[in-house]
PDB file of all heavy atoms in Angstrom:
ATOM      1  N   ASP A   1     -68.564  15.187 126.219  1.00  0.00           N
ATOM      2  CA  ASP A   1     -68.976  15.870 127.448  1.00  0.00           C
ATOM      3  C   ASP A   1     -68.839  17.396 127.307  1.00  0.00           C
ATOM      4  O   ASP A   1     -69.659  18.156 127.803  1.00  0.00           O
ATOM      5  CB  ASP A   1     -68.278  15.380 128.735  1.00  0.00           C
ATOM      6  CG  ASP A   1     -68.651  14.011 129.081  1.00  0.00           C
ATOM      7  OD1 ASP A   1     -69.738  13.518 128.686  1.00  0.00           O
ATOM      8  OD2 ASP A   1     -67.828  13.280 129.733  1.00  0.00           O
ATOM      9  N   LEU A   2     -67.860  17.818 126.525  1.00  0.00           N
ATOM     10  CA  LEU A   2     -67.528  19.189 126.357  1.00  0.00           C
ATOM     11  C   LEU A   2     -67.187  19.469 124.975  1.00  0.00           C
ATOM     12  O   LEU A   2     -66.324  18.736 124.425  1.00  0.00           O
ATOM     13  CB  LEU A   2     -66.380  19.652 127.297  1.00  0.00           C
ATOM     14  CG  LEU A   2     -65.787  21.077 127.103  1.00  0.00           C
ATOM     15  CD1 LEU A   2     -66.959  22.149 127.481  1.00  0.00           C
ATOM     16  CD2 LEU A   2     -64.619  21.280 127.941  1.00  0.00           C
ATOM     17  N   LEU A   3     -67.805  20.463 124.305  1.00  0.00           N
ATOM     18  CA  LEU A   3     -67.476  20.814 122.954  1.00  0.00           C
ATOM     19  C   LEU A   3     -66.972  22.367 123.039  1.00  0.00           C
ATOM     20  O   LEU A   3     -67.677  23.143 123.638  1.00  0.00           O
ATOM     21  CB  LEU A   3     -68.723  20.780 122.111  1.00  0.00           C
ATOM     22  CG  LEU A   3     -68.528  21.223 120.606  1.00  0.00           C
ATOM     23  CD1 LEU A   3     -67.531  20.254 119.890  1.00  0.00           C
ATOM     24  CD2 LEU A   3     -69.846  21.328 119.909  1.00  0.00           C
ATOM     25  N   ILE A   4     -65.833  22.622 122.533  1.00  0.00           N
ATOM     26  CA  ILE A   4     -65.350  23.987 122.542  1.00  0.00           C
ATOM     27  C   ILE A   4     -65.328  24.551 121.083  1.00  0.00           C
ATOM     28  O   ILE A   4     -64.787  23.922 120.157  1.00  0.00           O
ATOM     29  CB  ILE A   4     -63.788  23.890 123.049  1.00  0.00           C
ATOM     30  CG1 ILE A   4     -63.790  23.433 124.555  1.00  0.00           C
ATOM     31  CG2 ILE A   4     -63.237  25.329 123.016  1.00  0.00           C
ATOM     32  CD1 ILE A   4     -62.419  23.132 125.031  1.00  0.00           C
ATOM     33  N   ILE A   5     -65.971  25.614 120.966  1.00  0.00           N
ATOM     34  CA  ILE A   5     -66.156  26.286 119.610  1.00  0.00           C
ATOM     35  C   ILE A   5     -65.542  27.653 119.784  1.00  0.00           C
ATOM     36  O   ILE A   5     -65.950  28.567 120.499  1.00  0.00           O
ATOM     37  CB  ILE A   5     -67.612  26.410 119.316  1.00  0.00           C
ATOM     38  CG1 ILE A   5     -68.289  25.028 119.323  1.00  0.00           C
ATOM     39  CG2 ILE A   5     -67.760  27.019 117.915  1.00  0.00           C
ATOM     40  CD1 ILE A   5     -69.858  25.023 119.283  1.00  0.00           C
ATOM     41  N   ASP A   6     -64.436  27.830 119.005  1.00  0.00           N
ATOM     42  CA  ASP A   6     -63.708  29.147 119.080  1.00  0.00           C
ATOM     43  C   ASP A   6     -64.051  30.000 117.941  1.00  0.00           C
ATOM     44  O   ASP A   6     -64.130  29.566 116.801  1.00  0.00           O
ATOM     45  CB  ASP A   6     -62.199  28.771 119.106  1.00  0.00           C
ATOM     46  CG  ASP A   6     -61.374  29.967 119.422  1.00  0.00           C
ATOM     47  OD1 ASP A   6     -61.809  30.876 120.263  1.00  0.00           O
ATOM     48  OD2 ASP A   6     -60.197  29.999 119.070  1.00  0.00           O
ATOM     49  N   GLU A   7     -64.191  31.291 118.182  1.00  0.00           N
ATOM     50  CA  GLU A   7     -64.348  32.359 117.191  1.00  0.00           C
ATOM     51  C   GLU A   7     -65.606  32.247 116.377  1.00  0.00           C
ATOM     52  O   GLU A   7     -65.532  32.367 115.170  1.00  0.00           O
ATOM     53  CB  GLU A   7     -63.077  32.400 116.305  1.00  0.00           C
ATOM     54  CG  GLU A   7     -61.944  32.873 116.938  1.00  0.00           C
ATOM     55  CD  GLU A   7     -61.980  34.417 117.311  1.00  0.00           C
ATOM     56  OE1 GLU A   7     -62.796  35.171 116.761  1.00  0.00           O
ATOM     57  OE2 GLU A   7     -61.239  34.866 118.197  1.00  0.00           O
ATOM     58  N   ILE A   8     -66.791  32.041 116.963  1.00  0.00           N
ATOM     59  CA  ILE A   8     -68.015  32.184 116.171  1.00  0.00           C
ATOM     60  C   ILE A   8     -68.171  33.664 115.784  1.00  0.00           C
ATOM     61  O   ILE A   8     -67.948  34.507 116.531  1.00  0.00           O
ATOM     62  CB  ILE A   8     -69.259  31.848 117.105  1.00  0.00           C
ATOM     63  CG1 ILE A   8     -69.314  30.259 117.352  1.00  0.00           C
ATOM     64  CG2 ILE A   8     -70.547  32.343 116.472  1.00  0.00           C
ATOM     65  CD1 ILE A   8     -69.516  29.500 116.091  1.00  0.00           C
ATOM     66  N   GLY A   9     -68.446  33.789 114.494  1.00  0.00           N
ATOM     67  CA  GLY A   9     -68.542  35.141 113.939  1.00  0.00           C
ATOM     68  C   GLY A   9     -67.330  35.574 113.183  1.00  0.00           C
ATOM     69  O   GLY A   9     -67.346  36.676 112.589  1.00  0.00           O
ATOM     70  N   TYR A  10     -66.239  34.878 113.289  1.00  0.00           N
ATOM     71  CA  TYR A  10     -65.015  35.157 112.566  1.00  0.00           C
ATOM     72  C   TYR A  10     -65.441  35.298 111.031  1.00  0.00           C
ATOM     73  O   TYR A  10     -64.950  36.165 110.317  1.00  0.00           O
ATOM     74  CB  TYR A  10     -63.963  34.141 112.790  1.00  0.00           C
ATOM     75  CG  TYR A  10     -62.722  34.367 112.020  1.00  0.00           C
ATOM     76  CD1 TYR A  10     -61.843  35.405 112.147  1.00  0.00           C
ATOM     77  CD2 TYR A  10     -62.476  33.463 110.888  1.00  0.00           C
ATOM     78  CE1 TYR A  10     -60.747  35.602 111.346  1.00  0.00           C
ATOM     79  CE2 TYR A  10     -61.276  33.670 110.117  1.00  0.00           C
ATOM     80  CZ  TYR A  10     -60.459  34.662 110.295  1.00  0.00           C
ATOM     81  OH  TYR A  10     -59.408  34.901 109.525  1.00  0.00           O
ATOM     82  N   ARG A  11     -66.247  34.374 110.594  1.00  0.00           N
ATOM     83  CA  ARG A  11     -66.669  34.396 109.190  1.00  0.00           C
ATOM     84  C   ARG A  11     -68.269  34.220 109.229  1.00  0.00           C
ATOM     85  O   ARG A  11     -68.686  33.428 110.187  1.00  0.00           O
ATOM     86  CB  ARG A  11     -66.129  33.342 108.367  1.00  0.00           C
ATOM     87  CG  ARG A  11     -64.595  33.418 108.177  1.00  0.00           C
ATOM     88  CD  ARG A  11     -64.016  32.329 107.408  1.00  0.00           C
ATOM     89  NE  ARG A  11     -64.713  32.177 106.105  1.00  0.00           N
ATOM     90  CZ  ARG A  11     -64.495  31.126 105.289  1.00  0.00           C
ATOM     91  NH1 ARG A  11     -63.634  30.245 105.663  1.00  0.00           N
ATOM     92  NH2 ARG A  11     -65.138  30.923 104.177  1.00  0.00           N
ATOM     93  N   LYS A  12     -68.921  34.784 108.360  1.00  0.00           N
ATOM     94  CA  LYS A  12     -70.405  34.521 108.287  1.00  0.00           C
ATOM     95  C   LYS A  12     -70.598  33.089 107.784  1.00  0.00           C
ATOM     96  O   LYS A  12     -69.830  32.594 107.021  1.00  0.00           O
ATOM     97  CB  LYS A  12     -71.110  35.560 107.410  1.00  0.00           C
ATOM     98  CG  LYS A  12     -71.086  36.849 107.933  1.00  0.00           C
ATOM     99  CD  LYS A  12     -71.697  37.832 106.936  1.00  0.00           C
ATOM    100  CE  LYS A  12     -71.629  39.261 107.582  1.00  0.00           C
ATOM    101  NZ  LYS A  12     -72.228  40.241 106.726  1.00  0.00           N
ATOM    102  N   MET A  13     -71.642  32.487 108.316  1.00  0.00           N
ATOM    103  CA  MET A  13     -71.981  31.127 107.795  1.00  0.00           C
ATOM    104  C   MET A  13     -73.010  31.177 106.714  1.00  0.00           C
ATOM    105  O   MET A  13     -73.918  32.030 106.690  1.00  0.00           O
ATOM    106  CB  MET A  13     -72.508  30.300 109.027  1.00  0.00           C
ATOM    107  CG  MET A  13     -71.622  30.005 110.100  1.00  0.00           C
ATOM    108  SD  MET A  13     -72.369  28.938 111.254  1.00  0.00           S
ATOM    109  CE  MET A  13     -71.201  29.014 112.611  1.00  0.00           C
ATOM    110  N   ASP A  14     -72.802  30.254 105.790  1.00  0.00           N
ATOM    111  CA  ASP A  14     -73.864  30.108 104.783  1.00  0.00           C
ATOM    112  C   ASP A  14     -74.953  29.326 105.305  1.00  0.00           C
ATOM    113  O   ASP A  14     -74.973  28.879 106.419  1.00  0.00           O
ATOM    114  CB  ASP A  14     -73.274  29.414 103.475  1.00  0.00           C
ATOM    115  CG  ASP A  14     -72.817  28.005 103.686  1.00  0.00           C
ATOM    116  OD1 ASP A  14     -73.324  27.288 104.662  1.00  0.00           O
ATOM    117  OD2 ASP A  14     -72.029  27.499 102.936  1.00  0.00           O
ATOM    118  N   GLU A  15     -76.048  29.209 104.570  1.00  0.00           N
ATOM    119  CA  GLU A  15     -77.356  28.525 105.084  1.00  0.00           C
ATOM    120  C   GLU A  15     -77.044  27.130 105.543  1.00  0.00           C
ATOM    121  O   GLU A  15     -77.645  26.789 106.613  1.00  0.00           O
ATOM    122  CB  GLU A  15     -78.400  28.607 104.034  1.00  0.00           C
ATOM    123  CG  GLU A  15     -79.727  28.075 104.460  1.00  0.00           C
ATOM    124  CD  GLU A  15     -80.792  28.180 103.306  1.00  0.00           C
ATOM    125  OE1 GLU A  15     -80.527  28.864 102.347  1.00  0.00           O
ATOM    126  OE2 GLU A  15     -81.835  27.589 103.530  1.00  0.00           O
ATOM    127  N   THR A  16     -76.289  26.387 104.834  1.00  0.00           N
ATOM    128  CA  THR A  16     -76.040  25.062 105.219  1.00  0.00           C
ATOM    129  C   THR A  16     -75.255  24.893 106.512  1.00  0.00           C
ATOM    130  O   THR A  16     -75.587  24.142 107.398  1.00  0.00           O
ATOM    131  CB  THR A  16     -75.242  24.265 104.081  1.00  0.00           C
ATOM    132  OG1 THR A  16     -76.122  24.362 102.869  1.00  0.00           O
ATOM    133  CG2 THR A  16     -75.101  22.825 104.456  1.00  0.00           C
ATOM    134  N   ALA A  17     -74.265  25.697 106.637  1.00  0.00           N
ATOM    135  CA  ALA A  17     -73.432  25.679 107.879  1.00  0.00           C
ATOM    136  C   ALA A  17     -74.265  26.095 109.050  1.00  0.00           C
ATOM    137  O   ALA A  17     -74.152  25.590 110.199  1.00  0.00           O
ATOM    138  CB  ALA A  17     -72.134  26.615 107.696  1.00  0.00           C
ATOM    139  N   ALA A  18     -75.029  27.183 108.941  1.00  0.00           N
ATOM    140  CA  ALA A  18     -75.942  27.580 109.977  1.00  0.00           C
ATOM    141  C   ALA A  18     -76.976  26.490 110.389  1.00  0.00           C
ATOM    142  O   ALA A  18     -77.179  26.302 111.600  1.00  0.00           O
ATOM    143  CB  ALA A  18     -76.649  28.838 109.534  1.00  0.00           C
ATOM    144  N   HIS A  19     -77.466  25.773 109.482  1.00  0.00           N
ATOM    145  CA  HIS A  19     -78.404  24.720 109.767  1.00  0.00           C
ATOM    146  C   HIS A  19     -77.648  23.566 110.588  1.00  0.00           C
ATOM    147  O   HIS A  19     -78.200  23.125 111.507  1.00  0.00           O
ATOM    148  CB  HIS A  19     -78.931  24.102 108.443  1.00  0.00           C
ATOM    149  CG  HIS A  19     -79.663  22.862 108.624  1.00  0.00           C
ATOM    150  ND1 HIS A  19     -80.971  22.740 109.132  1.00  0.00           N
ATOM    151  CD2 HIS A  19     -79.332  21.597 108.342  1.00  0.00           C
ATOM    152  CE1 HIS A  19     -81.309  21.530 109.155  1.00  0.00           C
ATOM    153  NE2 HIS A  19     -80.436  20.851 108.753  1.00  0.00           N
ATOM    154  N   PHE A  20     -76.474  23.194 110.107  1.00  0.00           N
ATOM    155  CA  PHE A  20     -75.709  22.226 110.878  1.00  0.00           C
ATOM    156  C   PHE A  20     -75.314  22.658 112.206  1.00  0.00           C
ATOM    157  O   PHE A  20     -75.388  21.791 113.178  1.00  0.00           O
ATOM    158  CB  PHE A  20     -74.454  21.767 110.079  1.00  0.00           C
ATOM    159  CG  PHE A  20     -74.784  20.835 108.892  1.00  0.00           C
ATOM    160  CD1 PHE A  20     -74.182  21.142 107.710  1.00  0.00           C
ATOM    161  CD2 PHE A  20     -75.744  19.793 108.986  1.00  0.00           C
ATOM    162  CE1 PHE A  20     -74.409  20.316 106.616  1.00  0.00           C
ATOM    163  CE2 PHE A  20     -75.934  18.982 107.915  1.00  0.00           C
ATOM    164  CZ  PHE A  20     -75.384  19.245 106.716  1.00  0.00           C
ATOM    165  N   PHE A  21     -75.022  23.927 112.373  1.00  0.00           N
ATOM    166  CA  PHE A  21     -74.587  24.493 113.634  1.00  0.00           C
ATOM    167  C   PHE A  21     -75.805  24.384 114.542  1.00  0.00           C
ATOM    168  O   PHE A  21     -75.609  23.972 115.792  1.00  0.00           O
ATOM    169  CB  PHE A  21     -74.067  25.931 113.541  1.00  0.00           C
ATOM    170  CG  PHE A  21     -73.503  26.407 114.779  1.00  0.00           C
ATOM    171  CD1 PHE A  21     -72.181  26.105 115.220  1.00  0.00           C
ATOM    172  CD2 PHE A  21     -74.274  27.296 115.639  1.00  0.00           C
ATOM    173  CE1 PHE A  21     -71.728  26.566 116.427  1.00  0.00           C
ATOM    174  CE2 PHE A  21     -73.807  27.725 116.776  1.00  0.00           C
ATOM    175  CZ  PHE A  21     -72.483  27.423 117.124  1.00  0.00           C
ATOM    176  N   PHE A  22     -76.999  24.795 114.099  1.00  0.00           N
ATOM    177  CA  PHE A  22     -78.181  24.735 114.985  1.00  0.00           C
ATOM    178  C   PHE A  22     -78.421  23.263 115.390  1.00  0.00           C
ATOM    179  O   PHE A  22     -78.755  23.007 116.514  1.00  0.00           O
ATOM    180  CB  PHE A  22     -79.399  25.215 114.186  1.00  0.00           C
ATOM    181  CG  PHE A  22     -80.644  24.971 115.032  1.00  0.00           C
ATOM    182  CD1 PHE A  22     -80.995  25.772 116.031  1.00  0.00           C
ATOM    183  CD2 PHE A  22     -81.492  23.949 114.613  1.00  0.00           C
ATOM    184  CE1 PHE A  22     -82.193  25.517 116.760  1.00  0.00           C
ATOM    185  CE2 PHE A  22     -82.636  23.666 115.344  1.00  0.00           C
ATOM    186  CZ  PHE A  22     -82.978  24.409 116.403  1.00  0.00           C
ATOM    187  N   GLN A  23     -78.240  22.281 114.453  1.00  0.00           N
ATOM    188  CA  GLN A  23     -78.427  20.901 114.785  1.00  0.00           C
ATOM    189  C   GLN A  23     -77.560  20.460 115.864  1.00  0.00           C
ATOM    190  O   GLN A  23     -77.898  19.658 116.844  1.00  0.00           O
ATOM    191  CB  GLN A  23     -78.302  19.983 113.572  1.00  0.00           C
ATOM    192  CG  GLN A  23     -79.410  19.916 112.676  1.00  0.00           C
ATOM    193  CD  GLN A  23     -79.164  18.909 111.585  1.00  0.00           C
ATOM    194  OE1 GLN A  23     -78.499  19.055 110.608  1.00  0.00           O
ATOM    195  NE2 GLN A  23     -79.803  17.675 111.717  1.00  0.00           N
ATOM    196  N   ILE A  24     -76.271  20.787 115.845  1.00  0.00           N
ATOM    197  CA  ILE A  24     -75.289  20.433 116.851  1.00  0.00           C
ATOM    198  C   ILE A  24     -75.734  21.051 118.254  1.00  0.00           C
ATOM    199  O   ILE A  24     -75.743  20.389 119.219  1.00  0.00           O
ATOM    200  CB  ILE A  24     -73.952  20.974 116.448  1.00  0.00           C
ATOM    201  CG1 ILE A  24     -73.403  20.172 115.259  1.00  0.00           C
ATOM    202  CG2 ILE A  24     -72.955  20.807 117.614  1.00  0.00           C
ATOM    203  CD1 ILE A  24     -72.127  20.760 114.579  1.00  0.00           C
ATOM    204  N   ILE A  25     -76.064  22.335 118.226  1.00  0.00           N
ATOM    205  CA  ILE A  25     -76.480  22.972 119.511  1.00  0.00           C
ATOM    206  C   ILE A  25     -77.748  22.401 120.004  1.00  0.00           C
ATOM    207  O   ILE A  25     -77.852  22.098 121.223  1.00  0.00           O
ATOM    208  CB  ILE A  25     -76.580  24.534 119.341  1.00  0.00           C
ATOM    209  CG1 ILE A  25     -75.226  25.163 118.886  1.00  0.00           C
ATOM    210  CG2 ILE A  25     -77.146  25.256 120.563  1.00  0.00           C
ATOM    211  CD1 ILE A  25     -74.021  24.887 119.932  1.00  0.00           C
ATOM    212  N   ALA A  26     -78.712  22.161 119.106  1.00  0.00           N
ATOM    213  CA  ALA A  26     -79.994  21.612 119.571  1.00  0.00           C
ATOM    214  C   ALA A  26     -79.806  20.232 120.195  1.00  0.00           C
ATOM    215  O   ALA A  26     -80.445  19.925 121.198  1.00  0.00           O
ATOM    216  CB  ALA A  26     -80.988  21.630 118.442  1.00  0.00           C
ATOM    217  N   GLU A  27     -78.991  19.460 119.609  1.00  0.00           N
ATOM    218  CA  GLU A  27     -78.803  18.037 120.051  1.00  0.00           C
ATOM    219  C   GLU A  27     -77.991  17.999 121.299  1.00  0.00           C
ATOM    220  O   GLU A  27     -78.129  17.080 122.184  1.00  0.00           O
ATOM    221  CB  GLU A  27     -78.134  17.165 118.970  1.00  0.00           C
ATOM    222  CG  GLU A  27     -79.172  16.861 117.847  1.00  0.00           C
ATOM    223  CD  GLU A  27     -78.707  15.748 117.013  1.00  0.00           C
ATOM    224  OE1 GLU A  27     -77.923  14.871 117.385  1.00  0.00           O
ATOM    225  OE2 GLU A  27     -79.076  15.816 115.782  1.00  0.00           O
ATOM    226  N   ARG A  28     -77.153  18.975 121.523  1.00  0.00           N
ATOM    227  CA  ARG A  28     -76.349  19.066 122.803  1.00  0.00           C
ATOM    228  C   ARG A  28     -77.183  19.734 123.920  1.00  0.00           C
ATOM    229  O   ARG A  28     -76.759  19.607 125.084  1.00  0.00           O
ATOM    230  CB  ARG A  28     -75.104  19.908 122.579  1.00  0.00           C
ATOM    231  CG  ARG A  28     -74.051  19.179 121.730  1.00  0.00           C
ATOM    232  CD  ARG A  28     -72.777  19.906 121.615  1.00  0.00           C
ATOM    233  NE  ARG A  28     -72.169  19.819 122.999  1.00  0.00           N
ATOM    234  CZ  ARG A  28     -71.484  18.836 123.461  1.00  0.00           C
ATOM    235  NH1 ARG A  28     -71.325  17.709 122.832  1.00  0.00           N
ATOM    236  NH2 ARG A  28     -70.960  18.960 124.651  1.00  0.00           N
ATOM    237  N   TYR A  29     -78.281  20.448 123.583  1.00  0.00           N
ATOM    238  CA  TYR A  29     -78.983  21.208 124.547  1.00  0.00           C
ATOM    239  C   TYR A  29     -79.377  20.255 125.819  1.00  0.00           C
ATOM    240  O   TYR A  29     -79.975  19.249 125.632  1.00  0.00           O
ATOM    241  CB  TYR A  29     -80.198  21.782 123.932  1.00  0.00           C
ATOM    242  CG  TYR A  29     -81.130  22.537 124.887  1.00  0.00           C
ATOM    243  CD1 TYR A  29     -80.663  23.607 125.519  1.00  0.00           C
ATOM    244  CD2 TYR A  29     -82.428  22.152 125.099  1.00  0.00           C
ATOM    245  CE1 TYR A  29     -81.470  24.344 126.400  1.00  0.00           C
ATOM    246  CE2 TYR A  29     -83.235  22.832 125.998  1.00  0.00           C
ATOM    247  CZ  TYR A  29     -82.689  23.963 126.625  1.00  0.00           C
ATOM    248  OH  TYR A  29     -83.574  24.592 127.445  1.00  0.00           O
ATOM    249  N   GLU A  30     -78.892  20.717 126.970  1.00  0.00           N
ATOM    250  CA  GLU A  30     -79.138  20.097 128.266  1.00  0.00           C
ATOM    251  C   GLU A  30     -78.535  18.644 128.365  1.00  0.00           C
ATOM    252  O   GLU A  30     -78.909  17.836 129.157  1.00  0.00           O
ATOM    253  CB  GLU A  30     -80.740  20.011 128.613  1.00  0.00           C
ATOM    254  CG  GLU A  30     -81.294  21.469 128.810  1.00  0.00           C
ATOM    255  CD  GLU A  30     -82.629  21.442 129.342  1.00  0.00           C
ATOM    256  OE1 GLU A  30     -83.432  20.552 129.067  1.00  0.00           O
ATOM    257  OE2 GLU A  30     -82.855  22.383 130.207  1.00  0.00           O
ATOM    258  N   LYS A  31     -77.681  18.361 127.410  1.00  0.00           N
ATOM    259  CA  LYS A  31     -77.005  17.040 127.456  1.00  0.00           C
ATOM    260  C   LYS A  31     -75.483  17.169 127.563  1.00  0.00           C
ATOM    261  O   LYS A  31     -74.829  16.269 128.111  1.00  0.00           O
ATOM    262  CB  LYS A  31     -77.248  16.218 126.184  1.00  0.00           C
ATOM    263  CG  LYS A  31     -78.732  15.842 126.060  1.00  0.00           C
ATOM    264  CD  LYS A  31     -79.015  15.197 124.686  1.00  0.00           C
ATOM    265  CE  LYS A  31     -80.438  15.015 124.430  1.00  0.00           C
ATOM    266  NZ  LYS A  31     -80.751  14.617 123.103  1.00  0.00           N
ATOM    267  N   GLY A  32     -74.849  18.220 127.018  1.00  0.00           N
ATOM    268  CA  GLY A  32     -73.388  18.444 127.058  1.00  0.00           C
ATOM    269  C   GLY A  32     -73.058  19.881 127.103  1.00  0.00           C
ATOM    270  O   GLY A  32     -73.821  20.778 126.731  1.00  0.00           O
ATOM    271  N   SER A  33     -71.855  20.103 127.690  1.00  0.00           N
ATOM    272  CA  SER A  33     -71.410  21.458 127.858  1.00  0.00           C
ATOM    273  C   SER A  33     -70.795  22.051 126.687  1.00  0.00           C
ATOM    274  O   SER A  33     -70.233  21.296 125.848  1.00  0.00           O
ATOM    275  CB  SER A  33     -70.407  21.494 129.027  1.00  0.00           C
ATOM    276  OG  SER A  33     -71.094  21.165 130.279  1.00  0.00           O
ATOM    277  N   VAL A  34     -70.931  23.346 126.474  1.00  0.00           N
ATOM    278  CA  VAL A  34     -70.325  24.028 125.351  1.00  0.00           C
ATOM    279  C   VAL A  34     -69.579  25.217 125.887  1.00  0.00           C
ATOM    280  O   VAL A  34     -70.137  25.951 126.629  1.00  0.00           O
ATOM    281  CB  VAL A  34     -71.342  24.473 124.381  1.00  0.00           C
ATOM    282  CG1 VAL A  34     -70.760  25.282 123.244  1.00  0.00           C
ATOM    283  CG2 VAL A  34     -72.184  23.318 123.795  1.00  0.00           C
ATOM    284  N   ILE A  35     -68.391  25.425 125.487  1.00  0.00           N
ATOM    285  CA  ILE A  35     -67.567  26.639 125.639  1.00  0.00           C
ATOM    286  C   ILE A  35     -67.457  27.334 124.331  1.00  0.00           C
ATOM    287  O   ILE A  35     -67.000  26.640 123.300  1.00  0.00           O
ATOM    288  CB  ILE A  35     -66.215  26.367 126.269  1.00  0.00           C
ATOM    289  CG1 ILE A  35     -66.327  25.830 127.629  1.00  0.00           C
ATOM    290  CG2 ILE A  35     -65.383  27.719 126.254  1.00  0.00           C
ATOM    291  CD1 ILE A  35     -65.011  25.381 128.265  1.00  0.00           C
ATOM    292  N   LEU A  36     -67.950  28.514 124.127  1.00  0.00           N
ATOM    293  CA  LEU A  36     -67.919  29.238 122.934  1.00  0.00           C
ATOM    294  C   LEU A  36     -67.301  30.556 123.034  1.00  0.00           C
ATOM    295  O   LEU A  36     -67.536  31.220 124.075  1.00  0.00           O
ATOM    296  CB  LEU A  36     -69.451  29.354 122.511  1.00  0.00           C
ATOM    297  CG  LEU A  36     -69.599  29.820 121.146  1.00  0.00           C
ATOM    298  CD1 LEU A  36     -70.832  28.940 120.541  1.00  0.00           C
ATOM    299  CD2 LEU A  36     -70.099  31.230 121.136  1.00  0.00           C
ATOM    300  N   THR A  37     -66.482  30.941 122.121  1.00  0.00           N
ATOM    301  CA  THR A  37     -65.870  32.313 122.089  1.00  0.00           C
ATOM    302  C   THR A  37     -66.380  32.942 120.862  1.00  0.00           C
ATOM    303  O   THR A  37     -66.614  32.381 119.780  1.00  0.00           O
ATOM    304  CB  THR A  37     -64.375  32.241 122.135  1.00  0.00           C
ATOM    305  OG1 THR A  37     -63.886  31.781 120.902  1.00  0.00           O
ATOM    306  CG2 THR A  37     -63.786  31.493 123.318  1.00  0.00           C
ATOM    307  N   SER A  38     -66.475  34.368 121.001  1.00  0.00           N
ATOM    308  CA  SER A  38     -66.884  35.184 119.762  1.00  0.00           C
ATOM    309  C   SER A  38     -66.469  36.574 120.193  1.00  0.00           C
ATOM    310  O   SER A  38     -66.518  37.091 121.361  1.00  0.00           O
ATOM    311  CB  SER A  38     -68.376  35.119 119.626  1.00  0.00           C
ATOM    312  OG  SER A  38     -68.706  35.949 118.498  1.00  0.00           O
TER     313      SER A  38
END
């Protein structure tokens, strides 16, 4: 129901990590809450 992601931007993501991150956010979109810090 809730995904907490701390410190986005602490390190740059490579292409694969960025792709997976997008997949996670896209699949959660309008379905689950996200708390994100940066």
